[in-house]
Amino acid sequence: MQIGVFAKTFPGSEPAGVLAAIRDAGFAVTQFNLACAGLPSMPDAVQKDAIDAIAAASNACGVVLAALSGTYNMAHPAKAVRDDGLRRLGVVIKTAADLSVPLVTLCTGTRNADDQWAYHPDNTEPSAWDDMASEMEKALQLAERHGVDLGIEPEQANIVTSASDAMRLIAEMGSTRLRIVLDPANLFEQASSAEARAIVAAAVERTAGHVAMAHAKDRFADGRFTTAGRGVVDFADFVARLKASGFDGPLVTHGLSAEEAPSVARFLKGLV
C-alpha cells in the first residue's frame, strides 16, 4: 500500500514545485489535479508541453501519479452543463493516458446546480440516477478507448452515497473500467466511533476487489471533517480490513493543510 496526498494540498501551479513539496512531505504517490500545472482542473485542451512538464516533474521527484482528477457534476439538472463536463472529461482521460496515469476520479454528481459536492433533495429521484448513469456510460466509452479506469467515490451529498450504490452502478455498467475510491469519512455524516467502525467495515467488505484507491480523511462525531487520525474513523482497522480484502493500492489523504501533511504521512506510514 502506497501513501499519497492530493496534489492541491500544496500551493503552486508548476508541477515540479508541487511534486517536490509532496516528496519532501513524505509521500510516494499523488492524486494529481491539472490546476497544479497551471491549467483549469477540467480544461478545454492540454498541450504537449504541459504533459511533458508533468511527466518530467514526476520522474525527477520520484512521485508517482496514481490518479488524475476529472470531476464534474454528472447529475447537473442542465443537460448542456453535463455535456460540457463530459467533453472536458474526455480531455482529462486522454491526458491521463498520455501520462500513463491509471485512474481518473469522478464525481457522481448532485441536482444542486451550484455545487457538485452539495446535497439536493432531488438526488434520490430515479431521474437523477438515470442522468448520472447515462453520463457514466459515455465516460466509460472514453475510458475504454484510452485504456484508463474511472473511480467513483460514495459521498453523502452525491447520487452514489454508499458502497451498495457503487456496486449497483458497477453492475449496471458492466465494465471492468469502473472502480471505487473508498473514503471512510464520506460513508456517514454523524456517528460514534463504534458506529463509524461498523459502517466502514461493511463498506470494505461490500466493495472488496473493486477498490482502486482509498482516501484518508476523518470526521468528528458531530459531522465536521478533520485530518486523518483526529476523528471517529478507526484508521488502523480500516487499513487492516483493506489489506485483508486484497487491496494493495494507494491510500491518499486530503482535507489537510500543507503544514499538517508531514505528520499525516508519518501517521499513515505507521499503519501500513
Protein backbone atom coordinates (compact mmCIF):
# COMPACT_ATOMS: atom_id res chain seq x y z
CA MET A 1 0.00 0.00 0.00
CA GLN A 2 1.44 3.37 -1.05
CA ILE A 3 0.85 6.56 0.94
CA GLY A 4 -0.20 9.59 -1.08
CA VAL A 5 -1.80 13.01 -0.93
CA PHE A 6 -3.93 15.30 -3.07
CA ALA A 7 -1.56 17.46 -5.10
CA LYS A 8 -3.74 20.52 -4.46
CA THR A 9 -2.82 20.28 -0.77
CA PHE A 10 0.32 22.19 -1.76
CA PRO A 11 0.27 25.66 -3.34
CA GLY A 12 1.67 26.30 -6.78
CA SER A 13 0.93 25.94 -10.47
CA GLU A 14 4.26 24.46 -11.56
CA PRO A 15 4.31 20.65 -11.38
CA ALA A 16 7.99 20.48 -10.44
CA GLY A 17 7.46 22.61 -7.33
CA VAL A 18 4.24 20.91 -6.27
CA LEU A 19 5.60 17.38 -6.71
CA ALA A 20 8.82 18.29 -4.89
CA ALA A 21 6.74 19.51 -1.95
CA ILE A 22 4.79 16.24 -1.99
CA ARG A 23 8.02 14.25 -1.91
CA ASP A 24 9.51 16.39 0.83
CA ALA A 25 6.39 15.91 2.99
CA GLY A 26 6.94 12.16 2.85
CA PHE A 27 4.53 10.92 0.19
CA ALA A 28 5.33 8.50 -2.62
CA VAL A 29 2.22 8.99 -4.76
CA THR A 30 -0.31 11.71 -5.53
CA GLN A 31 -3.79 12.24 -6.87
CA PHE A 32 -2.90 14.95 -9.35
CA ASN A 33 -5.00 17.88 -10.47
CA LEU A 34 -4.25 19.81 -13.65
CA ALA A 35 -4.58 23.04 -11.64
CA CYS A 36 -1.14 22.11 -10.27
CA ALA A 37 0.20 22.54 -13.80
CA GLY A 38 -1.31 25.99 -14.34
CA LEU A 39 -4.40 24.68 -16.13
CA PRO A 40 -8.08 24.51 -15.23
CA SER A 41 -8.90 21.30 -13.40
CA MET A 42 -11.19 20.42 -16.32
CA PRO A 43 -9.53 22.12 -19.29
CA ASP A 44 -10.60 22.54 -22.91
CA ALA A 45 -7.24 21.18 -24.03
CA VAL A 46 -3.87 20.12 -22.66
CA GLN A 47 -0.84 20.91 -24.80
CA LYS A 48 2.06 18.51 -25.22
CA ASP A 49 4.48 20.80 -23.39
CA ALA A 50 2.25 20.68 -20.30
CA ILE A 51 2.14 16.88 -20.43
CA ASP A 52 5.91 16.75 -20.86
CA ALA A 53 6.43 19.09 -17.89
CA ILE A 54 4.20 16.98 -15.63
CA ALA A 55 5.91 13.75 -16.67
CA ALA A 56 9.38 15.23 -16.22
CA ALA A 57 8.50 16.53 -12.75
CA SER A 58 7.08 13.16 -11.70
CA ASN A 59 10.22 11.36 -12.86
CA ALA A 60 12.58 13.89 -11.29
CA CYS A 61 10.81 13.88 -7.91
CA GLY A 62 10.07 10.17 -7.83
CA VAL A 63 6.39 10.84 -7.07
CA VAL A 64 4.00 8.50 -8.88
CA LEU A 65 0.84 9.98 -10.39
CA ALA A 66 -1.69 7.47 -9.08
CA ALA A 67 -4.79 9.29 -10.32
CA LEU A 68 -5.94 12.40 -12.14
CA SER A 69 -8.97 14.43 -11.09
CA GLY A 70 -11.77 14.53 -13.65
CA THR A 71 -14.69 15.67 -11.54
CA TYR A 72 -17.72 17.39 -12.99
CA ASN A 73 -21.38 17.29 -11.98
CA MET A 74 -22.64 14.14 -13.71
CA ALA A 75 -26.18 14.78 -12.43
CA HIS A 76 -26.42 18.52 -13.06
CA PRO A 77 -30.04 19.42 -13.88
CA ALA A 78 -29.00 21.12 -17.14
CA LYS A 79 -28.02 18.78 -19.96
CA ALA A 80 -25.84 21.45 -21.57
CA VAL A 81 -23.73 21.63 -18.41
CA ARG A 82 -23.40 17.83 -18.33
CA ASP A 83 -22.43 17.79 -22.00
CA ASP A 84 -19.69 20.35 -21.42
CA GLY A 85 -18.41 18.41 -18.42
CA LEU A 86 -18.25 15.19 -20.43
CA ARG A 87 -16.33 16.93 -23.19
CA ARG A 88 -13.77 18.18 -20.69
CA LEU A 89 -13.61 14.76 -19.06
CA GLY A 90 -12.57 13.39 -22.43
CA VAL A 91 -9.61 15.77 -22.38
CA VAL A 92 -8.65 14.63 -18.88
CA ILE A 93 -8.94 10.95 -19.78
CA LYS A 94 -6.71 11.40 -22.83
CA THR A 95 -4.23 13.33 -20.69
CA ALA A 96 -4.21 10.51 -18.13
CA ALA A 97 -3.46 8.03 -20.90
CA ASP A 98 -0.66 10.23 -22.25
CA LEU A 99 0.85 10.36 -18.75
CA SER A 100 0.27 6.64 -18.07
CA VAL A 101 -1.93 7.55 -15.11
CA PRO A 102 -4.15 4.51 -14.48
CA LEU A 103 -7.16 6.17 -12.84
CA VAL A 104 -9.36 9.23 -13.39
CA THR A 105 -11.51 10.18 -10.41
CA LEU A 106 -15.10 11.28 -10.90
CA CYS A 107 -17.99 12.96 -9.08
CA THR A 108 -21.33 11.13 -9.42
CA GLY A 109 -22.98 14.49 -9.04
CA THR A 110 -25.97 16.15 -7.45
CA ARG A 111 -29.08 18.02 -8.53
CA ASN A 112 -27.58 21.05 -6.78
CA ALA A 113 -26.78 23.33 -9.72
CA ASP A 114 -24.32 25.49 -7.78
CA ASP A 115 -22.03 22.97 -6.09
CA GLN A 116 -21.24 19.45 -7.28
CA TRP A 117 -20.45 18.40 -3.70
CA ALA A 118 -23.66 19.77 -2.14
CA TYR A 119 -26.76 17.75 -1.30
CA HIS A 120 -30.08 18.29 -3.05
CA PRO A 121 -33.39 16.61 -2.10
CA ASP A 122 -33.92 15.53 -5.72
CA ASN A 123 -30.79 13.37 -5.60
CA THR A 124 -32.92 10.37 -4.64
CA GLU A 125 -35.25 10.76 -7.63
CA PRO A 126 -34.87 7.98 -10.25
CA SER A 127 -34.28 10.61 -12.93
CA ALA A 128 -31.15 11.81 -11.11
CA TRP A 129 -29.71 8.30 -11.11
CA ASP A 130 -30.67 7.87 -14.77
CA ASP A 131 -28.94 11.09 -15.84
CA MET A 132 -25.80 10.16 -13.91
CA ALA A 133 -25.79 6.63 -15.31
CA SER A 134 -26.16 7.95 -18.84
CA GLU A 135 -23.11 10.17 -18.29
CA MET A 136 -21.21 7.22 -16.86
CA GLU A 137 -21.92 5.09 -19.91
CA LYS A 138 -20.44 7.78 -22.16
CA ALA A 139 -17.48 8.30 -19.81
CA LEU A 140 -16.73 4.58 -19.82
CA GLN A 141 -16.67 4.56 -23.61
CA LEU A 142 -13.93 7.20 -23.44
CA ALA A 143 -12.11 5.25 -20.74
CA GLU A 144 -12.23 2.03 -22.74
CA ARG A 145 -10.86 3.83 -25.78
CA HIS A 146 -7.85 5.15 -23.86
CA GLY A 147 -7.24 2.23 -21.51
CA VAL A 148 -7.90 4.21 -18.31
CA ASP A 149 -10.01 3.24 -15.28
CA LEU A 150 -12.64 5.55 -13.76
CA GLY A 151 -13.07 5.87 -9.99
CA ILE A 152 -16.36 6.71 -8.29
CA GLU A 153 -16.49 7.69 -4.63
CA PRO A 154 -19.50 7.11 -2.38
CA GLU A 155 -20.28 10.56 -0.96
CA GLN A 156 -23.28 11.58 1.14
CA ALA A 157 -24.13 14.66 -0.93
CA ASN A 158 -23.92 12.89 -4.30
CA ILE A 159 -26.03 10.36 -6.21
CA VAL A 160 -23.81 7.43 -5.20
CA THR A 161 -23.90 7.67 -1.41
CA SER A 162 -22.89 4.19 -0.27
CA ALA A 163 -20.90 1.08 -1.07
CA SER A 164 -24.15 -0.56 -2.17
CA ASP A 165 -24.88 2.30 -4.58
CA ALA A 166 -21.38 1.99 -6.03
CA MET A 167 -21.74 -1.75 -6.55
CA ARG A 168 -25.17 -1.24 -8.12
CA LEU A 169 -23.69 1.19 -10.63
CA ILE A 170 -20.80 -1.15 -11.43
CA ALA A 171 -23.28 -3.95 -12.05
CA GLU A 172 -25.43 -1.74 -14.28
CA MET A 173 -22.46 -0.51 -16.31
CA GLY A 174 -20.94 -3.97 -16.76
CA SER A 175 -17.44 -2.56 -17.28
CA THR A 176 -14.25 -3.58 -15.51
CA ARG A 177 -13.06 0.00 -16.09
CA LEU A 178 -15.41 1.32 -13.39
CA ARG A 179 -13.71 1.20 -9.99
CA ILE A 180 -14.28 2.57 -6.49
CA VAL A 181 -12.46 5.24 -4.49
CA LEU A 182 -13.24 4.47 -0.85
CA ASP A 183 -13.12 7.34 1.65
CA PRO A 184 -14.26 6.16 5.10
CA ALA A 185 -15.26 9.67 6.21
CA ASN A 186 -17.65 10.01 3.27
CA LEU A 187 -19.63 6.90 4.19
CA PHE A 188 -21.52 8.62 7.03
CA GLU A 189 -22.34 12.08 8.33
CA GLN A 190 -22.60 11.74 12.11
CA ALA A 191 -21.53 8.65 14.02
CA SER A 192 -19.86 7.43 17.16
CA SER A 193 -16.53 5.65 16.87
CA ALA A 194 -18.24 2.27 17.11
CA GLU A 195 -20.88 3.18 14.53
CA ALA A 196 -18.26 4.54 12.14
CA ARG A 197 -16.15 1.41 12.51
CA ALA A 198 -19.13 -0.81 11.65
CA ILE A 199 -20.14 1.30 8.63
CA VAL A 200 -16.61 1.36 7.24
CA ALA A 201 -16.06 -2.35 7.86
CA ALA A 202 -19.25 -3.23 5.97
CA ALA A 203 -18.24 -0.97 3.06
CA VAL A 204 -14.79 -2.54 2.75
CA GLU A 205 -16.37 -6.00 2.70
CA ARG A 206 -19.03 -4.97 0.17
CA THR A 207 -16.55 -3.41 -2.26
CA ALA A 208 -13.73 -5.97 -1.96
CA GLY A 209 -11.97 -6.45 -5.27
CA HIS A 210 -13.38 -3.24 -6.75
CA VAL A 211 -11.40 -0.57 -4.86
CA ALA A 212 -8.74 1.18 -6.95
CA MET A 213 -7.83 3.80 -4.34
CA ALA A 214 -8.57 4.55 -0.71
CA HIS A 215 -8.77 8.02 0.79
CA ALA A 216 -7.72 9.10 4.28
CA LYS A 217 -9.96 11.85 5.60
CA ASP A 218 -11.64 11.90 9.01
CA ARG A 219 -14.77 13.23 10.73
CA PHE A 220 -15.62 14.28 14.23
CA ALA A 221 -18.70 12.68 15.78
CA ASP A 222 -20.72 15.85 15.05
CA GLY A 223 -20.05 15.53 11.31
CA ARG A 224 -17.28 18.08 10.83
CA PHE A 225 -14.38 16.90 8.67
CA THR A 226 -10.90 16.74 10.15
CA THR A 227 -7.41 15.46 9.43
CA ALA A 228 -6.89 11.70 9.37
CA GLY A 229 -6.35 10.31 12.86
CA ARG A 230 -8.20 13.04 14.75
CA GLY A 231 -11.80 11.91 14.40
CA VAL A 232 -14.02 8.84 14.79
CA VAL A 233 -12.62 6.82 11.86
CA ASP A 234 -10.53 3.89 13.10
CA PHE A 235 -7.78 4.07 10.51
CA ALA A 236 -5.85 1.11 11.93
CA ASP A 237 -8.97 -1.03 11.46
CA PHE A 238 -9.66 0.49 8.02
CA VAL A 239 -6.14 -0.27 6.77
CA ALA A 240 -6.19 -3.79 8.24
CA ARG A 241 -9.50 -4.54 6.54
CA LEU A 242 -8.30 -3.13 3.22
CA LYS A 243 -5.25 -5.39 3.40
CA ALA A 244 -7.39 -8.40 4.29
CA SER A 245 -9.62 -7.67 1.30
CA GLY A 246 -6.60 -7.87 -1.01
CA PHE A 247 -6.23 -4.13 -1.58
CA ASP A 248 -2.64 -3.01 -2.16
CA GLY A 249 -3.15 0.30 -3.94
CA PRO A 250 -2.69 3.94 -2.97
CA LEU A 251 -4.02 5.38 0.29
CA VAL A 252 -4.34 9.10 -0.43
CA THR A 253 -5.01 11.73 2.20
CA HIS A 254 -6.73 15.09 1.69
CA GLY A 255 -8.61 17.73 3.62
CA LEU A 256 -5.46 18.90 5.37
CA SER A 257 -3.05 21.80 5.15
CA ALA A 258 0.43 21.65 3.67
CA GLU A 259 1.80 22.21 7.16
CA GLU A 260 -0.08 19.18 8.51
CA ALA A 261 0.99 16.91 5.65
CA PRO A 262 4.30 15.54 7.06
CA SER A 263 2.70 14.40 10.32
CA VAL A 264 -0.18 12.75 8.48
CA ALA A 265 2.31 10.97 6.21
CA ARG A 266 4.07 9.60 9.30
CA PHE A 267 0.75 8.56 10.86
CA LEU A 268 -0.37 6.66 7.76
CA LYS A 269 3.02 5.05 7.17
CA GLY A 270 2.87 3.74 10.72
CA LEU A 271 -0.37 1.94 9.85
CA VAL A 272 0.65 0.36 6.56
